[in-house]
Protein backbone atom coordinates (compact mmCIF):
# COMPACT_ATOMS: atom_id res chain seq x y z
CA MET A 1 -5.04 47.47 61.17
CA LYS A 2 -2.41 47.23 63.92
CA GLU A 3 -0.86 44.14 62.34
CA ILE A 4 -0.71 45.89 58.96
CA LEU A 5 0.93 48.96 60.47
CA ASP A 6 3.40 46.83 62.42
CA ALA A 7 4.44 45.05 59.22
CA ILE A 8 4.91 48.34 57.39
CA ARG A 9 7.07 49.73 60.18
CA SER A 10 9.11 46.54 60.45
CA ALA A 11 12.47 46.42 58.70
CA ASP A 12 12.22 42.67 58.21
CA ALA A 13 8.73 42.07 56.76
CA THR A 14 8.79 40.27 53.40
CA SER A 15 6.31 40.19 50.57
CA ALA A 16 5.13 36.81 51.86
CA ASP A 17 4.56 38.34 55.28
CA PHE A 18 2.35 41.04 53.79
CA ALA A 19 0.48 38.53 51.65
CA ALA A 20 -0.24 36.48 54.77
CA LEU A 21 -1.75 39.39 56.71
CA ALA A 22 -5.43 39.09 57.39
CA LEU A 23 -7.39 41.94 55.81
CA PRO A 24 -9.93 43.77 57.96
CA GLU A 25 -13.62 43.64 57.11
CA SER A 26 -13.83 47.43 57.34
CA TYR A 27 -11.59 50.49 57.52
CA ARG A 28 -11.82 54.19 58.32
CA ALA A 29 -12.39 56.54 55.41
CA VAL A 30 -13.33 60.13 54.64
CA THR A 31 -16.73 60.16 52.97
CA VAL A 32 -19.48 62.35 51.62
CA ARG A 33 -23.02 61.00 51.84
CA LYS A 34 -25.61 60.86 49.11
CA ASP A 35 -28.46 61.82 51.43
CA GLU A 36 -26.62 65.05 52.29
CA SER A 37 -25.84 66.18 48.73
CA ALA A 38 -28.40 68.99 48.92
CA MET A 39 -27.20 70.31 52.28
CA PHE A 40 -25.61 73.46 50.83
CA GLU A 41 -28.38 74.42 48.39
CA GLY A 42 -28.93 78.17 48.29
CA LEU A 43 -25.48 79.02 49.66
CA ALA A 44 -22.76 80.81 47.75
CA THR A 45 -19.75 78.63 46.93
CA CYS A 46 -17.56 80.49 49.42
CA ASP A 47 -20.04 79.81 52.23
CA LYS A 48 -20.11 76.04 51.75
CA ASP A 49 -18.15 74.39 54.58
CA PRO A 50 -16.36 71.04 53.98
CA ARG A 51 -16.19 70.51 57.75
CA LYS A 52 -19.94 69.91 57.72
CA SER A 53 -20.06 67.48 54.81
CA LEU A 54 -16.93 65.35 55.26
CA HIS A 55 -17.22 62.39 57.63
CA VAL A 56 -14.69 59.89 58.94
CA GLU A 57 -16.46 56.56 59.29
CA GLU A 58 -16.00 52.80 59.07
CA VAL A 59 -16.80 51.42 55.61
CA PRO A 60 -16.71 47.84 54.31
CA LEU A 61 -13.58 46.66 52.50
CA PRO A 62 -14.38 46.49 48.76
CA GLU A 63 -14.03 43.32 46.72
CA LEU A 64 -10.71 43.08 44.85
CA GLY A 65 -11.10 42.60 41.11
CA PRO A 66 -8.81 41.70 38.19
CA GLY A 67 -6.06 44.21 37.50
CA GLU A 68 -6.58 45.91 40.85
CA ALA A 69 -4.71 46.36 44.12
CA LEU A 70 -5.63 47.06 47.71
CA VAL A 71 -3.17 49.51 49.26
CA ALA A 72 -2.64 50.35 52.92
CA VAL A 73 -2.64 54.15 52.83
CA MET A 74 -0.04 55.71 55.08
CA ALA A 75 -0.73 59.25 53.88
CA SER A 76 -2.81 61.17 51.36
CA SER A 77 -3.39 64.82 50.49
CA VAL A 78 -6.16 67.28 49.72
CA ASN A 79 -6.63 68.42 46.14
CA TYR A 80 -9.17 70.85 44.82
CA ASN A 81 -11.30 67.99 43.52
CA SER A 82 -11.73 66.94 47.16
CA VAL A 83 -13.04 70.42 47.84
CA TRP A 84 -15.46 70.12 44.91
CA SER A 85 -16.62 66.75 46.25
CA SER A 86 -17.14 68.16 49.73
CA ILE A 87 -19.28 71.09 48.60
CA PHE A 88 -21.11 69.06 45.92
CA GLU A 89 -19.98 71.30 43.06
CA PRO A 90 -20.29 71.58 40.16
CA LEU A 91 -22.48 68.50 40.71
CA PRO A 92 -22.64 65.90 43.48
CA THR A 93 -20.19 63.11 42.67
CA PHE A 94 -22.85 60.43 43.10
CA GLY A 95 -23.88 60.91 39.48
CA PHE A 96 -20.35 59.86 38.47
CA LEU A 97 -20.60 56.76 40.67
CA GLU A 98 -24.00 55.81 39.27
CA ARG A 99 -22.79 56.04 35.67
CA TYR A 100 -19.66 54.05 36.46
CA GLY A 101 -21.75 51.46 38.25
CA ARG A 102 -23.79 50.81 35.11
CA LEU A 103 -20.69 49.83 33.13
CA SER A 104 -20.26 46.28 34.48
CA PRO A 105 -21.05 44.03 37.44
CA LEU A 106 -17.56 44.79 38.79
CA THR A 107 -17.93 48.57 38.61
CA LYS A 108 -21.30 48.29 40.35
CA ARG A 109 -19.24 48.18 43.59
CA HIS A 110 -18.61 51.91 43.21
CA ASP A 111 -22.27 52.94 43.20
CA LEU A 112 -22.86 53.37 46.93
CA PRO A 113 -24.74 55.82 49.17
CA TYR A 114 -21.36 57.08 50.38
CA HIS A 115 -18.29 58.17 48.47
CA VAL A 116 -14.75 57.60 49.79
CA ILE A 117 -12.89 60.53 48.28
CA GLY A 118 -9.23 61.40 47.72
CA SER A 119 -6.97 61.25 44.66
CA ASP A 120 -3.49 60.81 46.17
CA LEU A 121 -1.81 58.18 48.30
CA ALA A 122 1.50 56.84 49.50
CA GLY A 123 1.41 53.40 51.06
CA VAL A 124 2.05 49.68 50.77
CA VAL A 125 0.43 47.09 48.53
CA LEU A 126 -1.57 44.54 50.54
CA ARG A 127 -3.17 42.43 47.81
CA THR A 128 -3.23 42.28 44.03
CA GLY A 129 -5.97 40.84 41.86
CA PRO A 130 -5.73 38.39 38.96
CA GLY A 131 -3.58 39.61 36.08
CA VAL A 132 -1.31 41.83 38.18
CA ASN A 133 2.31 40.81 37.68
CA VAL A 134 4.48 43.92 38.13
CA TRP A 135 3.40 44.74 41.69
CA LYS A 136 3.32 42.50 44.74
CA ALA A 137 2.30 42.65 48.39
CA GLY A 138 4.77 44.74 50.41
CA ASP A 139 5.74 47.12 47.58
CA GLU A 140 5.95 50.74 48.71
CA VAL A 141 4.06 52.85 46.21
CA VAL A 142 2.41 56.10 45.32
CA ALA A 143 -0.63 56.24 43.08
CA HIS A 144 -1.68 58.58 40.31
CA CYS A 145 -5.38 59.20 39.86
CA LEU A 146 -6.12 58.12 36.28
CA SER A 147 -8.63 55.28 36.10
CA VAL A 148 -9.20 53.83 32.62
CA GLU A 149 -10.83 50.71 31.18
CA LEU A 150 -8.90 50.70 27.85
CA GLU A 151 -11.45 48.58 26.02
CA SER A 152 -11.82 51.22 23.31
CA SER A 153 -9.18 52.01 20.69
CA ASP A 154 -9.56 55.71 21.49
CA GLY A 155 -7.41 55.47 24.60
CA HIS A 156 -4.49 53.52 23.24
CA ASN A 157 -2.58 56.49 21.83
CA ASP A 158 -3.25 58.64 24.90
CA THR A 159 -5.10 57.00 27.79
CA MET A 160 -6.59 60.35 28.78
CA LEU A 161 -8.72 60.01 25.64
CA ASP A 162 -10.25 56.72 26.74
CA PRO A 163 -14.05 57.18 26.75
CA GLU A 164 -14.15 55.53 30.18
CA GLN A 165 -11.42 57.76 31.63
CA ARG A 166 -12.15 58.81 35.21
CA ILE A 167 -10.37 60.45 38.11
CA TRP A 168 -9.98 57.97 40.97
CA GLY A 169 -11.43 59.17 44.26
CA PHE A 170 -13.51 61.81 42.48
CA GLU A 171 -15.35 59.99 39.69
CA THR A 172 -14.76 56.56 41.26
CA ASN A 173 -15.13 55.31 44.82
CA PHE A 174 -12.61 53.92 47.35
CA GLY A 175 -10.22 56.90 47.16
CA GLY A 176 -7.04 57.73 49.02
CA LEU A 177 -8.33 59.67 52.03
CA ALA A 178 -8.70 56.43 53.95
CA GLU A 179 -6.75 53.68 55.70
CA ILE A 180 -7.10 51.37 52.66
CA ALA A 181 -7.69 52.26 49.01
CA LEU A 182 -8.69 50.30 45.93
CA VAL A 183 -6.78 51.22 42.77
CA LYS A 184 -6.04 49.78 39.37
CA SER A 185 -2.52 48.37 39.22
CA ASN A 186 -1.63 50.73 36.37
CA GLN A 187 -2.09 53.63 38.79
CA LEU A 188 0.87 52.50 40.89
CA MET A 189 4.37 54.01 40.81
CA PRO A 190 7.44 53.60 43.04
CA LYS A 191 7.48 55.64 46.24
CA PRO A 192 10.54 57.96 46.35
CA ASP A 193 12.85 56.41 48.97
CA HIS A 194 14.08 59.73 50.35
CA LEU A 195 10.63 61.05 51.24
CA SER A 196 8.39 60.44 54.21
CA TRP A 197 4.92 59.03 53.61
CA GLU A 198 3.20 62.41 53.77
CA GLU A 199 5.80 64.03 51.51
CA ALA A 200 5.51 61.22 48.96
CA ALA A 201 1.71 61.54 48.91
CA ALA A 202 1.77 65.25 48.09
CA PRO A 203 3.02 65.49 44.46
CA GLY A 204 0.91 62.83 42.66
CA LEU A 205 -2.09 64.64 41.20
CA VAL A 206 -0.67 68.14 40.92
CA ASN A 207 2.81 67.21 39.71
CA SER A 208 1.42 64.92 37.02
CA THR A 209 -1.15 67.54 35.99
CA ALA A 210 1.50 70.25 35.76
CA TYR A 211 3.84 67.94 33.81
CA ARG A 212 1.29 67.18 31.10
CA GLN A 213 0.04 70.75 30.99
CA LEU A 214 3.45 72.36 30.71
CA VAL A 215 6.06 69.85 29.52
CA SER A 216 4.29 67.12 27.54
CA ARG A 217 3.62 67.38 23.82
CA ASN A 218 -0.03 66.85 24.81
CA GLY A 219 0.14 70.20 26.61
CA ALA A 220 2.29 73.26 25.93
CA GLY A 221 5.50 71.41 25.00
CA MET A 222 7.67 73.83 26.98
CA LYS A 223 11.24 74.30 25.76
CA GLN A 224 14.39 75.96 27.08
CA GLY A 225 14.18 79.75 27.14
CA ASP A 226 10.38 79.96 27.14
CA ASN A 227 8.76 82.65 29.26
CA VAL A 228 5.98 80.93 31.22
CA LEU A 229 3.33 82.90 33.09
CA ILE A 230 2.24 80.85 36.10
CA TRP A 231 -0.87 81.85 37.99
CA GLY A 232 -0.82 80.94 41.68
CA ALA A 233 2.84 80.06 41.41
CA SER A 234 3.22 79.01 45.05
CA GLY A 235 -0.03 77.01 45.17
CA GLY A 236 -0.74 73.32 44.77
CA LEU A 237 -0.45 73.29 40.98
CA GLY A 238 1.64 76.37 40.42
CA SER A 239 4.43 75.31 42.76
CA TYR A 240 5.10 72.27 40.58
CA ALA A 241 4.79 74.30 37.37
CA THR A 242 7.38 76.72 38.75
CA GLN A 243 9.76 73.87 39.55
CA LEU A 244 9.22 72.21 36.15
CA ALA A 245 9.87 75.49 34.35
CA LEU A 246 13.09 76.07 36.27
CA ALA A 247 14.25 72.47 35.85
CA GLY A 248 13.52 72.65 32.11
CA GLY A 249 15.47 75.83 31.45
CA ALA A 250 12.44 78.10 31.07
CA ASN A 251 11.81 81.46 32.74
CA PRO A 252 8.78 81.35 35.06
CA VAL A 253 6.88 84.60 35.58
CA CYS A 254 5.25 83.86 38.90
CA VAL A 255 1.96 85.49 39.84
CA VAL A 256 1.22 85.37 43.57
CA SER A 257 -1.04 87.15 46.05
CA SER A 258 1.30 88.03 48.93
CA GLU A 259 4.90 88.82 49.77
CA GLN A 260 5.15 85.56 51.70
CA LYS A 261 4.20 83.61 48.59
CA ALA A 262 6.62 85.70 46.54
CA GLY A 263 9.36 84.69 48.98
CA ILE A 264 8.60 81.02 48.41
CA CYS A 265 8.93 81.50 44.64
CA ARG A 266 12.29 83.23 45.12
CA ALA A 267 13.43 80.36 47.31
CA MET A 268 12.55 77.94 44.49
CA GLY A 269 14.80 79.98 42.20
CA ALA A 270 12.32 82.20 40.36
CA GLU A 271 13.28 85.82 39.71
CA ALA A 272 10.33 87.30 37.81
CA ILE A 273 7.51 87.69 40.33
CA ILE A 274 4.27 89.70 40.31
CA ASP A 275 2.35 90.23 43.54
CA ARG A 276 -1.06 90.89 42.00
CA ASN A 277 -2.56 92.19 45.25
CA ALA A 278 0.30 94.56 46.02
CA GLU A 279 0.21 95.88 42.45
CA GLY A 280 -3.58 96.15 42.51
CA TYR A 281 -4.60 94.31 39.36
CA ALA A 282 -8.39 94.20 38.91
CA PHE A 283 -9.25 92.52 35.61
CA TRP A 284 -13.01 92.96 36.10
CA LYS A 285 -14.74 96.33 36.52
CA ASP A 286 -17.81 94.53 37.83
CA GLU A 287 -19.42 91.09 37.63
CA ASP A 288 -20.10 91.44 33.90
CA THR A 289 -17.38 93.72 32.51
CA GLN A 290 -13.66 93.15 32.11
CA ASP A 291 -11.11 95.97 32.00
CA PRO A 292 -8.75 95.72 28.99
CA ARG A 293 -6.67 98.57 30.42
CA GLU A 294 -5.69 96.23 33.26
CA TRP A 295 -4.75 93.53 30.74
CA LYS A 296 -2.44 96.08 29.08
CA ARG A 297 -0.92 97.20 32.39
CA PHE A 298 -0.34 93.57 33.31
CA GLY A 299 1.34 92.88 29.95
CA GLN A 300 3.62 95.87 30.40
CA ARG A 301 4.65 94.60 33.82
CA ILE A 302 5.47 91.19 32.36
CA ARG A 303 7.69 92.78 29.71
CA GLU A 304 9.52 94.73 32.41
CA LEU A 305 10.44 91.41 34.01
CA THR A 306 11.37 89.56 30.79
CA GLY A 307 13.49 92.16 29.05
CA GLY A 308 10.69 93.26 26.75
CA GLU A 309 9.34 89.84 25.79
CA ASP A 310 5.78 88.54 26.00
CA VAL A 311 5.12 85.11 27.50
CA ASP A 312 5.29 82.03 25.30
CA ILE A 313 3.03 79.97 27.57
CA VAL A 314 0.36 80.79 30.13
CA PHE A 315 -0.20 78.12 32.79
CA GLU A 316 -3.92 78.68 33.37
CA HIS A 317 -6.13 77.27 36.10
CA PRO A 318 -8.01 80.13 37.84
CA GLY A 319 -10.36 80.42 34.85
CA ARG A 320 -12.96 83.16 34.66
CA GLU A 321 -11.13 85.72 36.79
CA THR A 322 -7.89 85.64 34.79
CA PHE A 323 -8.61 84.12 31.39
CA GLY A 324 -9.17 87.37 29.48
CA ALA A 325 -5.84 88.68 30.72
CA SER A 326 -4.14 85.37 29.91
CA VAL A 327 -5.23 85.46 26.27
CA TYR A 328 -4.19 89.11 25.92
CA VAL A 329 -0.65 88.84 27.34
CA THR A 330 0.40 85.70 25.44
CA ARG A 331 2.84 86.38 22.62
CA LYS A 332 1.90 85.99 18.97
CA GLY A 333 1.76 82.26 18.24
CA GLY A 334 1.88 81.42 21.94
CA THR A 335 -0.16 78.98 23.98
CA ILE A 336 -2.66 79.31 26.79
CA VAL A 337 -2.97 75.88 28.40
CA THR A 338 -5.76 75.37 30.92
CA CYS A 339 -6.53 72.55 33.32
CA ALA A 340 -9.10 74.04 35.68
CA SER A 341 -11.44 76.92 36.46
CA THR A 342 -11.30 77.45 40.20
CA SER A 343 -12.74 80.98 39.93
CA GLY A 344 -15.51 80.02 37.49
CA TYR A 345 -16.09 77.90 34.39
CA LYS A 346 -17.58 80.51 32.05
CA HIS A 347 -14.52 82.15 30.55
CA GLU A 348 -14.64 85.40 28.60
CA TYR A 349 -11.89 86.79 26.41
CA ASP A 350 -11.53 89.04 23.39
CA ASN A 351 -11.23 86.65 20.48
CA ARG A 352 -9.48 89.23 18.28
CA TYR A 353 -6.36 88.77 20.37
CA LEU A 354 -6.55 85.02 19.80
CA TRP A 355 -7.26 84.61 16.12
CA MET A 356 -5.35 87.60 14.76
CA SER A 357 -2.24 86.68 16.73
CA LEU A 358 -2.49 82.95 16.00
CA LYS A 359 -2.54 82.00 19.66
CA LYS A 360 -3.69 78.59 20.85
CA ILE A 361 -5.89 77.54 23.75
CA VAL A 362 -5.11 73.97 24.82
CA GLY A 363 -7.20 71.99 27.24
CA SER A 364 -5.24 69.71 29.57
CA HIS A 365 -6.66 67.23 32.07
CA PHE A 366 -4.53 65.27 34.54
CA ALA A 367 -2.00 62.97 32.76
CA ASN A 368 -1.66 59.56 31.19
CA TYR A 369 0.32 56.80 32.92
CA ARG A 370 3.53 57.59 31.06
CA GLU A 371 3.34 61.30 31.89
CA ALA A 372 2.56 60.56 35.53
CA TRP A 373 5.47 58.10 35.64
CA GLU A 374 7.87 60.68 34.15
CA ALA A 375 6.67 63.29 36.64
CA ASN A 376 7.18 60.86 39.52
CA ARG A 377 10.62 59.92 38.16
CA LEU A 378 11.68 63.55 38.54
CA VAL A 379 10.65 63.39 42.21
CA VAL A 380 12.54 60.10 42.69
CA LYS A 381 15.65 61.73 41.22
CA GLY A 382 15.38 64.81 43.43
CA ARG A 383 14.76 67.19 40.51
CA ILE A 384 11.24 68.08 41.67
CA HIS A 385 10.35 68.31 45.36
CA PRO A 386 7.16 68.05 47.39
CA THR A 387 5.55 71.35 48.32
CA LEU A 388 3.99 70.11 51.54
CA SER A 389 3.21 72.92 53.95
CA ARG A 390 1.11 71.27 56.64
CA THR A 391 -0.18 67.84 57.61
CA TYR A 392 -3.47 66.95 59.26
CA ARG A 393 -4.76 63.77 60.88
CA LEU A 394 -7.44 61.80 59.04
CA GLU A 395 -10.03 63.09 61.53
CA GLU A 396 -9.08 66.64 60.55
CA THR A 397 -9.64 66.25 56.81
CA GLY A 398 -12.67 68.52 56.93
CA GLN A 399 -10.51 71.33 58.27
CA ALA A 400 -7.82 70.57 55.69
CA ALA A 401 -10.37 70.83 52.86
CA TYR A 402 -11.77 74.02 54.41
CA ASP A 403 -8.30 75.58 54.39
CA VAL A 404 -7.78 74.67 50.73
CA HIS A 405 -11.27 75.96 49.87
CA ARG A 406 -10.50 79.31 51.54
CA ASN A 407 -6.95 79.45 50.11
CA LEU A 408 -5.50 79.53 53.62
CA HIS A 409 -2.71 77.14 52.66
CA GLN A 410 0.60 77.11 50.82
CA GLY A 411 1.56 74.42 48.32
CA LYS A 412 -0.01 71.11 49.26
CA VAL A 413 -1.83 70.00 52.41
CA GLY A 414 -1.17 66.43 53.58
CA VAL A 415 -3.28 63.99 55.57
CA LEU A 416 -1.90 61.18 57.77
CA CYS A 417 -4.02 58.06 57.29
CA LEU A 418 -2.39 54.96 58.83
CA ALA A 419 0.86 56.78 59.62
CA PRO A 420 0.74 57.65 63.34
CA GLU A 421 3.09 60.61 62.97
CA GLU A 422 5.07 62.59 60.43
CA GLY A 423 8.55 61.69 59.27
CA LEU A 424 8.08 57.93 58.81
CA GLY A 425 8.91 55.92 55.70
CA ILE A 426 12.27 57.50 54.80
CA ARG A 427 14.45 54.73 53.31
CA ASP A 428 17.36 56.77 51.91
CA PRO A 429 18.36 59.42 54.48
CA GLU A 430 21.70 60.09 52.77
CA PHE A 431 20.06 61.15 49.50
CA ARG A 432 17.43 63.06 51.45
CA GLU A 433 20.08 65.11 53.20
CA LYS A 434 21.17 66.54 49.84
CA HIS A 435 17.68 67.91 49.26
CA VAL A 436 16.27 68.48 52.73
CA THR A 437 16.15 72.27 52.40
CA ALA A 438 14.11 72.06 49.20
CA ILE A 439 11.88 69.33 50.65
CA ASN A 440 11.04 71.54 53.63
CA ARG A 441 10.89 74.80 51.71
CA PHE A 442 7.14 75.25 51.98
CA ARG A 443 7.19 74.52 55.69
CA LEU A 444 9.85 77.11 56.50
CA PRO A 445 7.63 80.23 56.56
CA GLN A 446 5.33 78.57 59.09
CA GLU A 447 8.14 77.19 61.21
CA GLY A 448 10.08 80.45 61.30
């Protein structure tokens, strides 16, 4: 690994130099283990501790197949799917790997008693398999997490509809929380030159997800002037939705849970902000009963911030806790677009407010290659910025996942893999200087 890292840090290494590097037989990776998948049985979700289930261990280098690439991972990040993997919810991921392994002799590689997790990376291509022509050894890249086979016609209009669509590092093996990752070549995108490795690794999954959910015609199709209610507006997903709304001429109504998080939204340029804890919103009277009076109070507060208008779009991801309120406050003919259910999958809402007001609920899951590319292009151009708040070493991934699980973080949490320290990999410092305040925005509250 030292020779690989030396080549990456060298200013003179060529593609031929990278192609000539000897690959190691094994590498360090963050894993969950199949024989431990029942370790949290009987515990409430909040009591399940990723620090107990995530391991950093040496694993064999996987075989490189057609249309694939091996990437030296300089940095990765923790997404909520890594938390789900670590606490074996809603199901242990080994069922995903077993089903994928039955697809072909090549996919059988993924069905192992350990699962290398992680759905983001920034790094350097080491090898490409047969049929890869666009990318070569030495290319600096980021990866999005859509893995597709594209042997069915269903996926050729929108690859997210491919029947063999999977999320890399969650429903496939050899993910990004490791020193080396195996990806399909059509997951690769150019690394933004003005960002460090850890900054470049942060946007991938969440920025692409927010782009499809909010901007794409496959999601809400946001337009200029739209009022957009964004739950968790300073969080991993919401921080990108807030930026996309502002960059697209919409008016984000940012829902946060503290004054510190409200300050971050103001720093991004948002003006309409609701601190749900300070204002005491409680949408559920008890475990089984919602409180429509709180929906109404919430809607009135939104109209105070928008000049009397209801929201055109609700950017939904908390799920059960907020969904009834989301449906209620959306304007007539508006859209509730949902990509997750971090507070519970069984949503309840009053359907009268949906059908009689012609509202739409749209399901949105990650992004296709084109959407991910467009989202990354905005980062390359300095229109959208990383929301990295803290970086951990690979050995500390369990703690990083714990912090995300307990919502102790802001924005995104990064993980250094091969990178020995933060701040490496910046190729365009002049362009970076124009955006350095925005790049570091989520770090400022902790550094101050």
